Amino acid sequence: MKNIKNLLWILLLGFFVYYLLPEFANGMNQNDADNFAVLCVILFNSVYAILSGILLTKFNGFKWYYSVIIGVFFIPAVLLDYNSSTIIYSILYMLEYMIGSSIYIRYFSK
């Protein structure tokens, strides 16, 4: 139960990063909205994927399927906020989650 609770907290944070953060672009002109979308996809979502890998590995241990959950959780955001060319980033976020897990295992676990 504790593992599920930790995962739900991470997914709640992911909901904010993947879904609510891009909504701030709605009031912007087209050029600014495009720039903000790129910033979200490249910076904010990547940082979230790495940090979620570190945190979930710290609290729940390494579970390979968490990386799949983090990547798949982004796919509806592609349909809602981005164009279809950003679907490839779901795979990138899976890899970044694994990098975050590796960072925790290598440098912080004893």
C-alpha atoms as a PDB file:
ATOM      1  CA  MET A   1       0.000   0.000   0.000  1.00  0.00           C
ATOM      2  CA  LYS A   2       2.870   2.351   0.795  1.00  0.00           C
ATOM      3  CA  ASN A   3       4.315   1.788  -2.692  1.00  0.00           C
ATOM      4  CA  ILE A   4       1.032   2.742  -4.336  1.00  0.00           C
ATOM      5  CA  LYS A   5       0.711   5.839  -2.159  1.00  0.00           C
ATOM      6  CA  ASN A   6       4.192   7.026  -3.184  1.00  0.00           C
ATOM      7  CA  LEU A   7       3.435   6.334  -6.837  1.00  0.00           C
ATOM      8  CA  LEU A   8       0.187   8.298  -6.633  1.00  0.00           C
ATOM      9  CA  TRP A   9       2.007  11.322  -5.153  1.00  0.00           C
ATOM     10  CA  ILE A  10       4.513  11.207  -8.009  1.00  0.00           C
ATOM     11  CA  LEU A  11       1.709  10.895 -10.565  1.00  0.00           C
ATOM     12  CA  LEU A  12      -0.102  13.833  -8.965  1.00  0.00           C
ATOM     13  CA  LEU A  13       3.030  15.898  -9.464  1.00  0.00           C
ATOM     14  CA  GLY A  14       3.191  14.505 -13.004  1.00  0.00           C
ATOM     15  CA  PHE A  15      -0.377  15.612 -13.613  1.00  0.00           C
ATOM     16  CA  PHE A  16       0.673  19.155 -12.766  1.00  0.00           C
ATOM     17  CA  VAL A  17       3.802  19.011 -14.943  1.00  0.00           C
ATOM     18  CA  TYR A  18       2.364  17.116 -17.931  1.00  0.00           C
ATOM     19  CA  TYR A  19      -1.171  18.528 -18.025  1.00  0.00           C
ATOM     20  CA  LEU A  20      -1.623  21.757 -16.063  1.00  0.00           C
ATOM     21  CA  LEU A  21       1.670  23.501 -16.806  1.00  0.00           C
ATOM     22  CA  PRO A  22       1.058  23.592 -20.602  1.00  0.00           C
ATOM     23  CA  GLU A  23      -2.317  25.232 -19.972  1.00  0.00           C
ATOM     24  CA  PHE A  24      -0.497  28.438 -19.001  1.00  0.00           C
ATOM     25  CA  ALA A  25       0.260  28.859 -22.707  1.00  0.00           C
ATOM     26  CA  ASN A  26      -3.419  29.415 -23.542  1.00  0.00           C
ATOM     27  CA  GLY A  27      -3.318  33.180 -22.970  1.00  0.00           C
ATOM     28  CA  MET A  28      -0.094  33.709 -24.917  1.00  0.00           C
ATOM     29  CA  ASN A  29       0.344  34.664 -28.541  1.00  0.00           C
ATOM     30  CA  GLN A  30       1.253  31.842 -30.900  1.00  0.00           C
ATOM     31  CA  ASN A  31       5.019  32.386 -30.879  1.00  0.00           C
ATOM     32  CA  ASP A  32       5.238  32.573 -27.078  1.00  0.00           C
ATOM     33  CA  ALA A  33       2.947  29.561 -26.694  1.00  0.00           C
ATOM     34  CA  ASP A  34       5.154  27.508 -29.015  1.00  0.00           C
ATOM     35  CA  ASN A  35       8.256  28.530 -27.082  1.00  0.00           C
ATOM     36  CA  PHE A  36       6.606  27.669 -23.772  1.00  0.00           C
ATOM     37  CA  ALA A  37       5.541  24.265 -25.126  1.00  0.00           C
ATOM     38  CA  VAL A  38       9.121  23.524 -26.154  1.00  0.00           C
ATOM     39  CA  LEU A  39      10.310  24.602 -22.706  1.00  0.00           C
ATOM     40  CA  CYS A  40       7.772  22.281 -21.082  1.00  0.00           C
ATOM     41  CA  VAL A  41       8.693  19.286 -23.228  1.00  0.00           C
ATOM     42  CA  ILE A  42      12.449  19.689 -23.028  1.00  0.00           C
ATOM     43  CA  LEU A  43      13.049  21.137 -19.567  1.00  0.00           C
ATOM     44  CA  PHE A  44      10.173  20.711 -17.116  1.00  0.00           C
ATOM     45  CA  ASN A  45       9.061  17.241 -18.207  1.00  0.00           C
ATOM     46  CA  SER A  46      12.635  15.973 -18.333  1.00  0.00           C
ATOM     47  CA  VAL A  47      13.412  17.257 -14.855  1.00  0.00           C
ATOM     48  CA  TYR A  48      10.201  15.653 -13.607  1.00  0.00           C
ATOM     49  CA  ALA A  49      11.130  12.291 -15.152  1.00  0.00           C
ATOM     50  CA  ILE A  50      14.588  12.299 -13.569  1.00  0.00           C
ATOM     51  CA  LEU A  51      13.349  13.443 -10.155  1.00  0.00           C
ATOM     52  CA  SER A  52      10.538  10.900 -10.158  1.00  0.00           C
ATOM     53  CA  GLY A  53      13.125   8.194 -10.875  1.00  0.00           C
ATOM     54  CA  ILE A  54      15.205   9.320  -7.915  1.00  0.00           C
ATOM     55  CA  LEU A  55      12.246   9.658  -5.535  1.00  0.00           C
ATOM     56  CA  LEU A  56      10.421   6.464  -6.426  1.00  0.00           C
ATOM     57  CA  THR A  57      13.633   4.463  -6.262  1.00  0.00           C
ATOM     58  CA  LYS A  58      14.382   5.982  -2.872  1.00  0.00           C
ATOM     59  CA  PHE A  59      10.979   5.152  -1.404  1.00  0.00           C
ATOM     60  CA  ASN A  60       9.987   1.992  -3.280  1.00  0.00           C
ATOM     61  CA  GLY A  61      13.213   0.496  -4.571  1.00  0.00           C
ATOM     62  CA  PHE A  62      13.922  -0.067  -8.241  1.00  0.00           C
ATOM     63  CA  LYS A  63      10.884  -1.185 -10.213  1.00  0.00           C
ATOM     64  CA  TRP A  64      11.336  -1.237 -13.995  1.00  0.00           C
ATOM     65  CA  TYR A  65       7.617  -0.833 -14.698  1.00  0.00           C
ATOM     66  CA  TYR A  66       7.528   2.574 -13.015  1.00  0.00           C
ATOM     67  CA  SER A  67       9.459   3.939 -15.985  1.00  0.00           C
ATOM     68  CA  VAL A  68       6.740   2.639 -18.308  1.00  0.00           C
ATOM     69  CA  ILE A  69       4.058   4.260 -16.149  1.00  0.00           C
ATOM     70  CA  ILE A  70       5.852   7.632 -16.261  1.00  0.00           C
ATOM     71  CA  GLY A  71       6.252   7.437 -20.052  1.00  0.00           C
ATOM     72  CA  VAL A  72       2.709   6.272 -20.782  1.00  0.00           C
ATOM     73  CA  PHE A  73       1.297   8.926 -18.453  1.00  0.00           C
ATOM     74  CA  PHE A  74       2.583  11.540 -20.929  1.00  0.00           C
ATOM     75  CA  ILE A  75       0.727  10.132 -23.967  1.00  0.00           C
ATOM     76  CA  PRO A  76      -2.686  11.723 -23.219  1.00  0.00           C
ATOM     77  CA  ALA A  77      -0.909  15.077 -22.807  1.00  0.00           C
ATOM     78  CA  VAL A  78       0.340  14.701 -26.380  1.00  0.00           C
ATOM     79  CA  LEU A  79      -3.229  14.385 -27.568  1.00  0.00           C
ATOM     80  CA  LEU A  80      -4.481  17.288 -25.435  1.00  0.00           C
ATOM     81  CA  ASP A  81      -1.741  19.923 -25.539  1.00  0.00           C
ATOM     82  CA  TYR A  82       0.984  19.063 -28.022  1.00  0.00           C
ATOM     83  CA  ASN A  83       1.189  17.844 -31.591  1.00  0.00           C
ATOM     84  CA  SER A  84       1.693  14.202 -32.519  1.00  0.00           C
ATOM     85  CA  SER A  85       5.417  14.613 -33.152  1.00  0.00           C
ATOM     86  CA  THR A  86       6.019  14.822 -29.377  1.00  0.00           C
ATOM     87  CA  ILE A  87       4.871  11.222 -28.800  1.00  0.00           C
ATOM     88  CA  ILE A  88       8.501  10.116 -29.072  1.00  0.00           C
ATOM     89  CA  TYR A  89       9.235  12.017 -25.867  1.00  0.00           C
ATOM     90  CA  SER A  90       7.336   9.394 -23.887  1.00  0.00           C
ATOM     91  CA  ILE A  91      10.197   7.003 -24.647  1.00  0.00           C
ATOM     92  CA  LEU A  92      12.702   9.678 -23.698  1.00  0.00           C
ATOM     93  CA  TYR A  93      10.940  10.184 -20.359  1.00  0.00           C
ATOM     94  CA  MET A  94      11.118   6.434 -19.709  1.00  0.00           C
ATOM     95  CA  LEU A  95      14.867   6.566 -20.282  1.00  0.00           C
ATOM     96  CA  GLU A  96      15.234   9.659 -18.106  1.00  0.00           C
ATOM     97  CA  TYR A  97      13.346   7.886 -15.334  1.00  0.00           C
ATOM     98  CA  MET A  98      15.854   5.038 -15.594  1.00  0.00           C
ATOM     99  CA  ILE A  99      18.687   7.573 -15.423  1.00  0.00           C
ATOM    100  CA  GLY A 100      17.162   9.030 -12.250  1.00  0.00           C
ATOM    101  CA  SER A 101      16.878   5.544 -10.753  1.00  0.00           C
ATOM    102  CA  SER A 102      20.476   4.838 -11.678  1.00  0.00           C
ATOM    103  CA  ILE A 103      21.617   8.095 -10.088  1.00  0.00           C
ATOM    104  CA  TYR A 104      19.929   7.163  -6.826  1.00  0.00           C
ATOM    105  CA  ILE A 105      21.272   3.606  -6.854  1.00  0.00           C
ATOM    106  CA  ARG A 106      24.798   4.687  -7.717  1.00  0.00           C
ATOM    107  CA  TYR A 107      25.243   7.746  -5.525  1.00  0.00           C
ATOM    108  CA  PHE A 108      22.698   7.722  -2.704  1.00  0.00           C
ATOM    109  CA  SER A 109      21.885   4.146  -1.740  1.00  0.00           C
ATOM    110  CA  LYS A 110      24.165   2.245   0.585  1.00  0.00           C
END
